[in-house]
Amino acid sequence: MSLIFLIKTSIMKKMMIFLVVFFAVSTAFCQSFMQGAGVTVLVGSSKSGNVSYGEGLTYSPRFNFIETQSLSVSVGIPLSVGISSSISTDAYDYQTTSIGFVINAPLMINLNMGRGSTKENTESKFGYFVGAGFGYHHGDFLVDDYINGVIARSSNTFGPDANAGLRFGVGRKHRNIEVRFSYMKGLNEDKPNIFGVAGLFNF
């Protein structure tokens, strides 16, 4: 059993414990629960100039704590899991590509307006949201090592996260299609910049 496998298993266990606690606490205090799912694309760049690209699935649960007829304030975790690919170019212009695993899990506080802000808001055909929070990101990256050359390694980073997006009503109920843009700044490891674009169906 490899060390990388053990590390990833430990990460997944911690994520599961965190999600269980989050759902338990949020359910006790929220006014309503909403959720969505879809696809996402993540692009990360580090100080060393390496770029990683990931695509996968996103599940986005959220709990509304403040609700009015036209807006809500929510806490949620848009959890993304997927496959990543990294490309690195050495001093001789030789490119190395690596395939890996990516997890992006930010805890976000959002202000939601219009369609999709609450289950009762069905008259608005258009909505939007903006928010900030703190996130965790795991990715498999390529790094330039002066001794061993270009090598692949796993990176775990935490940092502030921001997101914004649009929602378009579908049907007569509160269901909507969401386009979400996000940015996270890693504070440790290689201090990566992580950009994300997601398309979700909120049901």
Protein backbone atom coordinates (compact mmCIF):
# COMPACT_ATOMS: atom_id res chain seq x y z
CA MET A 1 0.00 0.00 0.00
CA SER A 2 1.62 3.26 -1.14
CA LEU A 3 2.12 6.34 1.00
CA ILE A 4 0.13 8.46 -1.48
CA PHE A 5 -2.84 6.11 -1.16
CA LEU A 6 -2.71 6.31 2.64
CA ILE A 7 -2.55 10.11 2.53
CA LYS A 8 -5.52 10.33 0.18
CA THR A 9 -7.51 7.88 2.30
CA SER A 10 -6.81 9.99 5.39
CA ILE A 11 -7.91 13.14 3.55
CA MET A 12 -11.18 11.52 2.47
CA LYS A 13 -11.92 10.36 6.04
CA LYS A 14 -11.37 13.87 7.40
CA MET A 15 -13.58 15.33 4.66
CA MET A 16 -16.38 12.88 5.50
CA ILE A 17 -16.19 13.72 9.23
CA PHE A 18 -16.26 17.45 8.44
CA LEU A 19 -19.28 17.06 6.14
CA VAL A 20 -21.22 15.06 8.73
CA VAL A 21 -20.56 17.68 11.43
CA PHE A 22 -21.40 20.51 9.02
CA PHE A 23 -24.73 18.96 8.04
CA ALA A 24 -25.64 18.19 11.67
CA VAL A 25 -24.95 21.73 12.91
CA SER A 26 -26.48 23.47 9.88
CA THR A 27 -29.69 21.43 9.96
CA ALA A 28 -30.30 22.49 13.55
CA PHE A 29 -30.27 26.23 12.76
CA CYS A 30 -31.25 26.67 9.09
CA GLN A 31 -34.57 27.87 7.67
CA SER A 32 -34.37 25.77 4.50
CA PHE A 33 -32.07 23.38 2.65
CA MET A 34 -31.27 23.64 -1.08
CA GLN A 35 -28.94 21.67 -3.33
CA GLY A 36 -27.60 21.31 -6.82
CA ALA A 37 -25.22 19.20 -8.89
CA GLY A 38 -23.26 19.58 -12.10
CA VAL A 39 -19.86 19.71 -13.76
CA THR A 40 -16.83 21.85 -13.01
CA VAL A 41 -13.48 22.88 -14.47
CA LEU A 42 -10.57 23.90 -12.20
CA VAL A 43 -7.34 25.56 -13.33
CA GLY A 44 -4.45 26.07 -10.92
CA SER A 45 -1.17 27.93 -11.31
CA SER A 46 1.71 28.09 -8.82
CA LYS A 47 4.71 30.35 -8.18
CA SER A 48 6.95 27.91 -10.03
CA GLY A 49 4.94 28.45 -13.20
CA ASN A 50 3.40 24.98 -13.32
CA VAL A 51 -0.21 24.77 -14.46
CA SER A 52 -2.76 22.09 -13.57
CA TYR A 53 -6.13 21.48 -15.17
CA GLY A 54 -8.94 19.46 -13.63
CA GLU A 55 -12.49 18.56 -14.50
CA GLY A 56 -15.08 16.65 -12.55
CA LEU A 57 -18.40 16.72 -10.72
CA THR A 58 -19.73 19.18 -8.15
CA TYR A 59 -22.36 18.67 -5.47
CA SER A 60 -23.47 21.94 -3.91
CA PRO A 61 -25.58 21.77 -0.72
CA ARG A 62 -26.49 24.97 1.09
CA PHE A 63 -28.49 26.06 4.11
CA ASN A 64 -30.40 29.36 4.14
CA PHE A 65 -30.19 31.14 7.50
CA ILE A 66 -31.85 34.41 6.51
CA GLU A 67 -34.72 34.54 4.02
CA THR A 68 -36.97 37.26 2.63
CA GLN A 69 -39.19 37.36 -0.46
CA SER A 70 -36.31 38.38 -2.73
CA LEU A 71 -33.04 37.29 -1.06
CA SER A 72 -31.33 34.88 1.31
CA VAL A 73 -28.04 34.46 3.15
CA SER A 74 -26.70 30.92 2.98
CA VAL A 75 -23.83 28.73 4.11
CA GLY A 76 -22.75 25.92 1.80
CA ILE A 77 -20.02 23.62 0.58
CA PRO A 78 -19.79 23.32 -3.23
CA LEU A 79 -17.72 20.12 -3.17
CA SER A 80 -15.89 19.26 -6.41
CA VAL A 81 -14.11 15.97 -7.12
CA GLY A 82 -12.38 15.15 -10.39
CA ILE A 83 -9.35 14.19 -12.43
CA SER A 84 -6.46 16.62 -12.88
CA SER A 85 -3.71 16.90 -15.44
CA SER A 86 -0.51 18.91 -14.98
CA ILE A 87 2.00 20.11 -17.55
CA SER A 88 5.56 21.23 -16.78
CA THR A 89 8.32 22.41 -19.12
CA ASP A 90 11.98 22.04 -18.13
CA ALA A 91 14.99 24.13 -19.17
CA TYR A 92 15.31 22.13 -22.41
CA ASP A 93 11.67 22.85 -23.38
CA TYR A 94 10.74 19.24 -22.68
CA GLN A 95 7.14 18.92 -21.50
CA THR A 96 6.02 16.42 -18.89
CA THR A 97 2.36 15.58 -18.29
CA SER A 98 0.89 13.94 -15.19
CA ILE A 99 -2.63 12.68 -14.43
CA GLY A 100 -3.89 12.92 -10.85
CA PHE A 101 -6.76 13.53 -8.47
CA VAL A 102 -8.32 16.83 -7.37
CA ILE A 103 -10.66 17.83 -4.53
CA ASN A 104 -11.95 21.36 -3.97
CA ALA A 105 -14.08 22.01 -0.87
CA PRO A 106 -14.75 25.63 0.12
CA LEU A 107 -17.03 26.69 2.96
CA MET A 108 -18.93 29.66 1.48
CA ILE A 109 -21.26 32.35 2.84
CA ASN A 110 -23.36 33.70 -0.02
CA LEU A 111 -25.85 36.49 -0.57
CA ASN A 112 -28.48 35.12 -2.98
CA MET A 113 -30.81 37.39 -4.94
CA GLY A 114 -33.77 36.60 -7.21
CA ARG A 115 -34.37 33.16 -8.68
CA GLY A 116 -32.89 30.37 -6.61
CA SER A 117 -32.51 32.48 -3.47
CA THR A 118 -35.33 30.57 -1.73
CA LYS A 119 -37.75 27.78 -2.59
CA GLU A 120 -40.60 30.30 -2.52
CA ASN A 121 -39.03 32.65 -5.06
CA THR A 122 -40.56 31.27 -8.25
CA GLU A 123 -41.66 34.50 -9.97
CA SER A 124 -38.17 35.79 -10.75
CA LYS A 125 -36.71 34.29 -13.93
CA PHE A 126 -33.21 35.50 -13.17
CA GLY A 127 -31.02 35.50 -10.07
CA TYR A 128 -27.45 35.97 -8.95
CA PHE A 129 -25.21 35.40 -5.94
CA VAL A 130 -21.90 36.55 -4.51
CA GLY A 131 -19.96 35.40 -1.51
CA ALA A 132 -16.70 34.55 0.23
CA GLY A 133 -15.31 31.93 2.53
CA PHE A 134 -12.37 29.64 3.21
CA GLY A 135 -11.46 26.53 1.22
CA TYR A 136 -9.41 23.37 1.04
CA HIS A 137 -7.83 22.11 -2.18
CA HIS A 138 -6.01 18.88 -2.92
CA GLY A 139 -4.29 18.34 -6.24
CA ASP A 140 -1.56 16.30 -7.89
CA PHE A 141 0.99 18.65 -9.43
CA LEU A 142 4.28 18.55 -11.30
CA VAL A 143 7.25 20.38 -9.78
CA ASP A 144 10.75 21.08 -11.03
CA ASP A 145 13.30 19.45 -8.71
CA TYR A 146 16.91 20.43 -9.35
CA ILE A 147 18.14 16.98 -8.32
CA ASN A 148 15.44 14.64 -9.64
CA GLY A 149 14.13 16.75 -12.51
CA VAL A 150 10.39 17.13 -13.05
CA ILE A 151 8.50 15.03 -10.50
CA ALA A 152 4.85 14.60 -9.52
CA ARG A 153 3.69 15.25 -5.98
CA SER A 154 0.48 15.80 -4.05
CA SER A 155 -0.35 19.22 -2.70
CA ASN A 156 -2.80 20.21 0.04
CA THR A 157 -3.53 23.86 0.50
CA PHE A 158 -5.95 26.09 2.38
CA GLY A 159 -6.90 29.68 1.69
CA PRO A 160 -9.54 32.38 1.21
CA ASP A 161 -12.13 31.73 -1.47
CA ALA A 162 -14.57 33.93 -3.37
CA ASN A 163 -17.38 33.09 -5.78
CA ALA A 164 -20.11 34.70 -7.83
CA GLY A 165 -22.61 33.48 -10.36
CA LEU A 166 -25.90 33.68 -12.21
CA ARG A 167 -29.06 31.58 -12.01
CA PHE A 168 -31.66 31.12 -14.75
CA GLY A 169 -35.12 29.82 -13.92
CA VAL A 170 -36.32 26.50 -15.34
CA GLY A 171 -40.00 25.53 -15.10
CA ARG A 172 -42.57 26.82 -12.63
CA LYS A 173 -40.87 25.81 -9.40
CA HIS A 174 -37.66 27.15 -7.87
CA ARG A 175 -35.45 24.96 -10.07
CA ASN A 176 -32.73 26.79 -11.96
CA ILE A 177 -29.52 26.46 -13.93
CA GLU A 178 -26.50 28.03 -12.23
CA VAL A 179 -23.22 29.28 -13.68
CA ARG A 180 -20.61 29.69 -10.94
CA PHE A 181 -17.19 31.36 -11.05
CA SER A 182 -14.72 30.94 -8.20
CA TYR A 183 -11.22 31.90 -7.13
CA MET A 184 -9.09 30.54 -4.28
CA LYS A 185 -5.67 31.73 -3.11
CA GLY A 186 -3.59 29.01 -1.45
CA LEU A 187 -1.65 30.14 1.61
CA ASN A 188 0.76 27.22 1.94
CA GLU A 189 2.68 24.87 -0.34
CA ASP A 190 3.33 26.66 -3.68
CA LYS A 191 0.72 29.39 -2.97
CA PRO A 192 -1.35 28.37 -6.00
CA ASN A 193 -4.06 30.45 -7.64
CA ILE A 194 -7.07 28.22 -8.30
CA PHE A 195 -9.79 29.33 -10.73
CA GLY A 196 -13.04 27.45 -11.22
CA VAL A 197 -16.05 27.48 -13.55
CA ALA A 198 -19.06 25.27 -12.86
CA GLY A 199 -22.43 24.60 -14.41
CA LEU A 200 -25.08 23.28 -11.98
CA PHE A 201 -28.72 22.28 -11.96
CA ASN A 202 -30.34 23.31 -8.68
CA PHE A 203 -33.32 21.16 -7.73
